[in-house]
Amino acid sequence: MNSVVGIDQAFWYIFIVSAVLLTGITLTMIYFVIRYRRSRHPRAADIRGNWKLELLWTIIPTIIALSMFAVGWKSYTGLRSVPAGSVQIQVLAQMFTWIFVYENDKESENLLMVPEHTPIKLNIESLDVIHSFYLPAFRVKVDAVKKFPTYVWFRTEGPGEFDIMCTEYCGLDHSKMLAKLKVVSRQEYDAWLAREGE
């Protein structure tokens, strides 16, 4: 499954369940305020010891929480299960630039070039302070920490250009730590990769 789809599904599931719960709880509260107001019921009812109610408000939230966990876990494992045949690129963060090292040791600064319709694995590490690699169009966000390599993957679609930024404050020029993802055809990618002196 495309990592974007998994993340979006998890987001919308949690959002919709939360909206339904908020609406249900608010409407129930309004009903109880009107139905059981003091003028109609001057003496409050004591429901302590009602094991059926206690069981109900224990089991329902547990099921909801576990279902959210299951959806989130599926999305998370999707981000960690890299498909075979992925293009692997080393991502090195340093104040205040992104360096991309390709499989043939070619390097580019602040430009991540990748082929279309391909899974891309990014091996990420920092050379100095903590940074955070953020590619919003593909729902990719991962911290870059010195001496703590990690990875993330995503699948490209058609050609295009997308923003890359750092979302961890890393110094005075943090806001200038920007890069571009350029998705091109496989032929253009192979030709670019083979060119020297860029």
Protein backbone atom coordinates (compact mmCIF):
# COMPACT_ATOMS: atom_id res chain seq x y z
CA MET A 1 0.00 0.00 0.00
CA ASN A 2 1.19 3.52 -0.72
CA SER A 3 2.37 5.14 2.54
CA VAL A 4 0.31 8.28 1.77
CA VAL A 5 -2.90 6.23 1.58
CA GLY A 6 -2.18 4.45 4.88
CA ILE A 7 -1.44 7.68 6.74
CA ASP A 8 -4.52 9.41 5.30
CA GLN A 9 -6.72 6.44 6.24
CA ALA A 10 -5.42 6.52 9.82
CA PHE A 11 -5.97 10.28 10.04
CA TRP A 12 -9.53 10.16 8.69
CA TYR A 13 -10.49 7.17 10.84
CA ILE A 14 -9.33 8.86 14.04
CA PHE A 15 -10.84 12.20 12.98
CA ILE A 16 -14.27 10.70 12.16
CA VAL A 17 -14.42 8.57 15.32
CA SER A 18 -13.44 11.63 17.40
CA ALA A 19 -16.08 13.80 15.66
CA VAL A 20 -18.79 11.18 16.24
CA LEU A 21 -17.81 10.86 19.92
CA LEU A 22 -17.74 14.63 20.40
CA THR A 23 -21.15 15.02 18.79
CA GLY A 24 -22.65 12.10 20.71
CA ILE A 25 -21.29 13.20 24.08
CA THR A 26 -22.35 16.83 23.53
CA LEU A 27 -25.91 15.88 22.46
CA THR A 28 -26.22 13.46 25.41
CA MET A 29 -25.00 16.14 27.79
CA ILE A 30 -27.54 18.66 26.43
CA TYR A 31 -30.32 16.06 26.71
CA PHE A 32 -29.41 15.27 30.31
CA VAL A 33 -29.18 18.97 31.25
CA ILE A 34 -32.73 19.54 29.94
CA ARG A 35 -34.30 16.21 30.95
CA TYR A 36 -32.81 15.99 34.44
CA ARG A 37 -32.59 19.66 35.43
CA ARG A 38 -33.03 20.57 39.06
CA SER A 39 -36.54 22.03 38.63
CA ARG A 40 -37.82 18.62 37.43
CA HIS A 41 -35.61 16.42 39.65
CA PRO A 42 -34.67 18.22 42.86
CA ARG A 43 -33.13 15.04 44.30
CA ALA A 44 -30.25 13.53 42.29
CA ALA A 45 -30.36 9.82 41.54
CA ASP A 46 -27.49 7.68 42.85
CA ILE A 47 -26.20 5.28 40.18
CA ARG A 48 -23.12 4.05 42.05
CA GLY A 49 -22.73 0.29 42.00
CA ASN A 50 -24.47 -0.12 38.64
CA TRP A 51 -22.13 -2.77 37.22
CA LYS A 52 -23.81 -2.74 33.80
CA LEU A 53 -23.09 0.95 33.25
CA GLU A 54 -19.54 0.60 34.63
CA LEU A 55 -18.89 -2.32 32.29
CA LEU A 56 -20.34 -0.40 29.35
CA TRP A 57 -18.20 2.72 29.84
CA THR A 58 -15.11 0.55 30.29
CA ILE A 59 -15.57 -1.77 27.31
CA ILE A 60 -16.67 0.82 24.70
CA PRO A 61 -13.70 3.22 25.19
CA THR A 62 -11.31 0.23 25.25
CA ILE A 63 -12.63 -1.02 21.89
CA ILE A 64 -12.42 2.47 20.39
CA ALA A 65 -8.84 2.98 21.65
CA LEU A 66 -7.73 -0.45 20.40
CA SER A 67 -9.28 0.16 16.97
CA MET A 68 -7.41 3.48 16.70
CA PHE A 69 -4.21 1.72 17.71
CA ALA A 70 -4.76 -0.99 15.08
CA VAL A 71 -5.29 1.56 12.29
CA GLY A 72 -2.28 3.61 13.41
CA TRP A 73 -0.09 0.49 13.74
CA LYS A 74 -0.97 -0.61 10.22
CA SER A 75 0.01 2.83 8.93
CA TYR A 76 3.26 2.81 10.93
CA THR A 77 4.34 -0.65 9.79
CA GLY A 78 3.56 0.42 6.22
CA LEU A 79 6.16 3.18 6.62
CA ARG A 80 8.74 0.73 7.96
CA SER A 81 8.21 -2.13 5.45
CA VAL A 82 10.30 -1.08 2.46
CA PRO A 83 9.35 -2.80 -0.82
CA ALA A 84 11.99 -4.76 -2.73
CA GLY A 85 13.67 -2.86 -5.56
CA SER A 86 13.53 0.52 -3.83
CA VAL A 87 15.89 3.28 -4.88
CA GLN A 88 18.07 3.97 -1.83
CA ILE A 89 19.32 7.49 -1.13
CA GLN A 90 21.36 8.70 1.83
CA VAL A 91 20.03 11.92 3.38
CA LEU A 92 22.51 13.93 5.45
CA ALA A 93 21.28 16.95 7.39
CA GLN A 94 23.56 19.74 8.52
CA MET A 95 23.13 23.37 9.42
CA PHE A 96 21.47 24.55 7.18
CA THR A 97 21.26 22.27 4.17
CA TRP A 98 20.19 18.83 2.97
CA ILE A 99 22.76 16.62 1.23
CA PHE A 100 21.56 13.67 -0.84
CA VAL A 101 23.97 10.84 -1.71
CA TYR A 102 22.88 8.39 -4.40
CA GLU A 103 23.83 4.74 -4.98
CA ASN A 104 26.70 5.67 -7.34
CA ASP A 105 28.06 8.18 -4.73
CA LYS A 106 26.77 11.18 -6.67
CA GLU A 107 25.77 14.02 -4.34
CA SER A 108 23.26 16.82 -4.66
CA GLU A 109 22.56 19.67 -2.29
CA ASN A 110 18.99 20.74 -1.56
CA LEU A 111 17.73 18.81 -4.59
CA LEU A 112 16.39 15.28 -4.23
CA MET A 113 16.04 13.75 -7.68
CA VAL A 114 13.99 10.53 -7.94
CA PRO A 115 12.30 8.47 -10.68
CA GLU A 116 8.52 8.36 -11.05
CA HIS A 117 6.35 5.38 -10.01
CA THR A 118 9.11 3.98 -7.80
CA PRO A 119 9.49 3.21 -4.09
CA ILE A 120 12.19 5.45 -2.58
CA LYS A 121 14.01 4.57 0.65
CA LEU A 122 15.66 7.48 2.44
CA ASN A 123 18.43 6.60 4.93
CA ILE A 124 18.52 9.65 7.18
CA GLU A 125 21.12 10.97 9.61
CA SER A 126 22.36 14.32 10.92
CA LEU A 127 25.95 15.54 10.81
CA ASP A 128 25.47 17.98 13.68
CA VAL A 129 22.32 18.96 15.64
CA ILE A 130 18.83 17.46 15.50
CA HIS A 131 16.95 18.19 12.28
CA SER A 132 13.63 16.85 11.00
CA PHE A 133 13.12 15.83 7.37
CA TYR A 134 9.61 16.79 6.25
CA LEU A 135 8.09 16.02 2.86
CA PRO A 136 4.42 17.00 3.31
CA ALA A 137 3.18 15.92 -0.12
CA PHE A 138 4.10 12.30 0.72
CA ARG A 139 3.29 12.43 4.48
CA VAL A 140 6.96 11.83 5.32
CA LYS A 141 8.40 13.29 8.52
CA VAL A 142 11.32 11.81 10.42
CA ASP A 143 13.94 13.22 12.80
CA ALA A 144 17.58 13.29 11.72
CA VAL A 145 19.84 12.67 14.71
CA LYS A 146 23.64 12.46 14.79
CA LYS A 147 24.97 8.89 15.18
CA PHE A 148 21.39 7.54 15.10
CA PRO A 149 20.61 6.53 11.50
CA THR A 150 17.02 5.83 10.58
CA TYR A 151 14.99 5.44 7.42
CA VAL A 152 11.64 6.05 5.82
CA TRP A 153 10.17 5.25 2.43
CA PHE A 154 7.53 6.57 0.06
CA ARG A 155 6.30 5.78 -3.44
CA THR A 156 6.42 8.42 -6.16
CA GLU A 157 3.63 8.92 -8.66
CA GLY A 158 3.88 11.14 -11.75
CA PRO A 159 6.46 13.87 -12.39
CA GLY A 160 6.44 17.01 -10.29
CA GLU A 161 8.27 19.20 -7.79
CA PHE A 162 7.60 19.14 -4.05
CA ASP A 163 8.89 21.04 -1.02
CA ILE A 164 11.23 19.57 1.57
CA MET A 165 11.86 21.41 4.83
CA CYS A 166 13.30 21.03 8.31
CA THR A 167 10.68 21.06 11.06
CA GLU A 168 13.04 20.94 14.06
CA TYR A 169 14.49 24.27 15.14
CA CYS A 170 18.20 23.83 14.41
CA GLY A 171 19.66 27.34 14.66
CA LEU A 172 19.39 30.87 13.33
CA ASP A 173 18.98 29.90 9.67
CA HIS A 174 16.56 27.05 10.36
CA SER A 175 13.85 28.66 8.22
CA LYS A 176 16.20 28.67 5.21
CA MET A 177 16.82 24.91 5.38
CA LEU A 178 14.67 24.16 2.34
CA ALA A 179 15.07 21.68 -0.50
CA LYS A 180 13.12 20.37 -3.48
CA LEU A 181 12.02 16.88 -4.43
CA LYS A 182 12.00 16.53 -8.19
CA VAL A 183 10.20 13.48 -9.60
CA VAL A 184 11.22 12.73 -13.20
CA SER A 185 10.93 9.89 -15.68
CA ARG A 186 13.23 6.88 -15.23
CA GLN A 187 15.18 7.82 -18.38
CA GLU A 188 15.73 11.38 -17.16
CA TYR A 189 16.72 10.13 -13.72
CA ASP A 190 19.25 7.63 -15.12
CA ALA A 191 20.74 10.30 -17.41
CA TRP A 192 21.00 12.79 -14.53
CA LEU A 193 22.58 10.16 -12.28
CA ALA A 194 25.20 9.36 -14.92
CA ARG A 195 26.20 12.99 -15.50
CA GLU A 196 29.27 14.21 -13.64
CA GLY A 197 30.24 17.62 -12.39
CA GLU A 198 26.81 18.71 -11.14
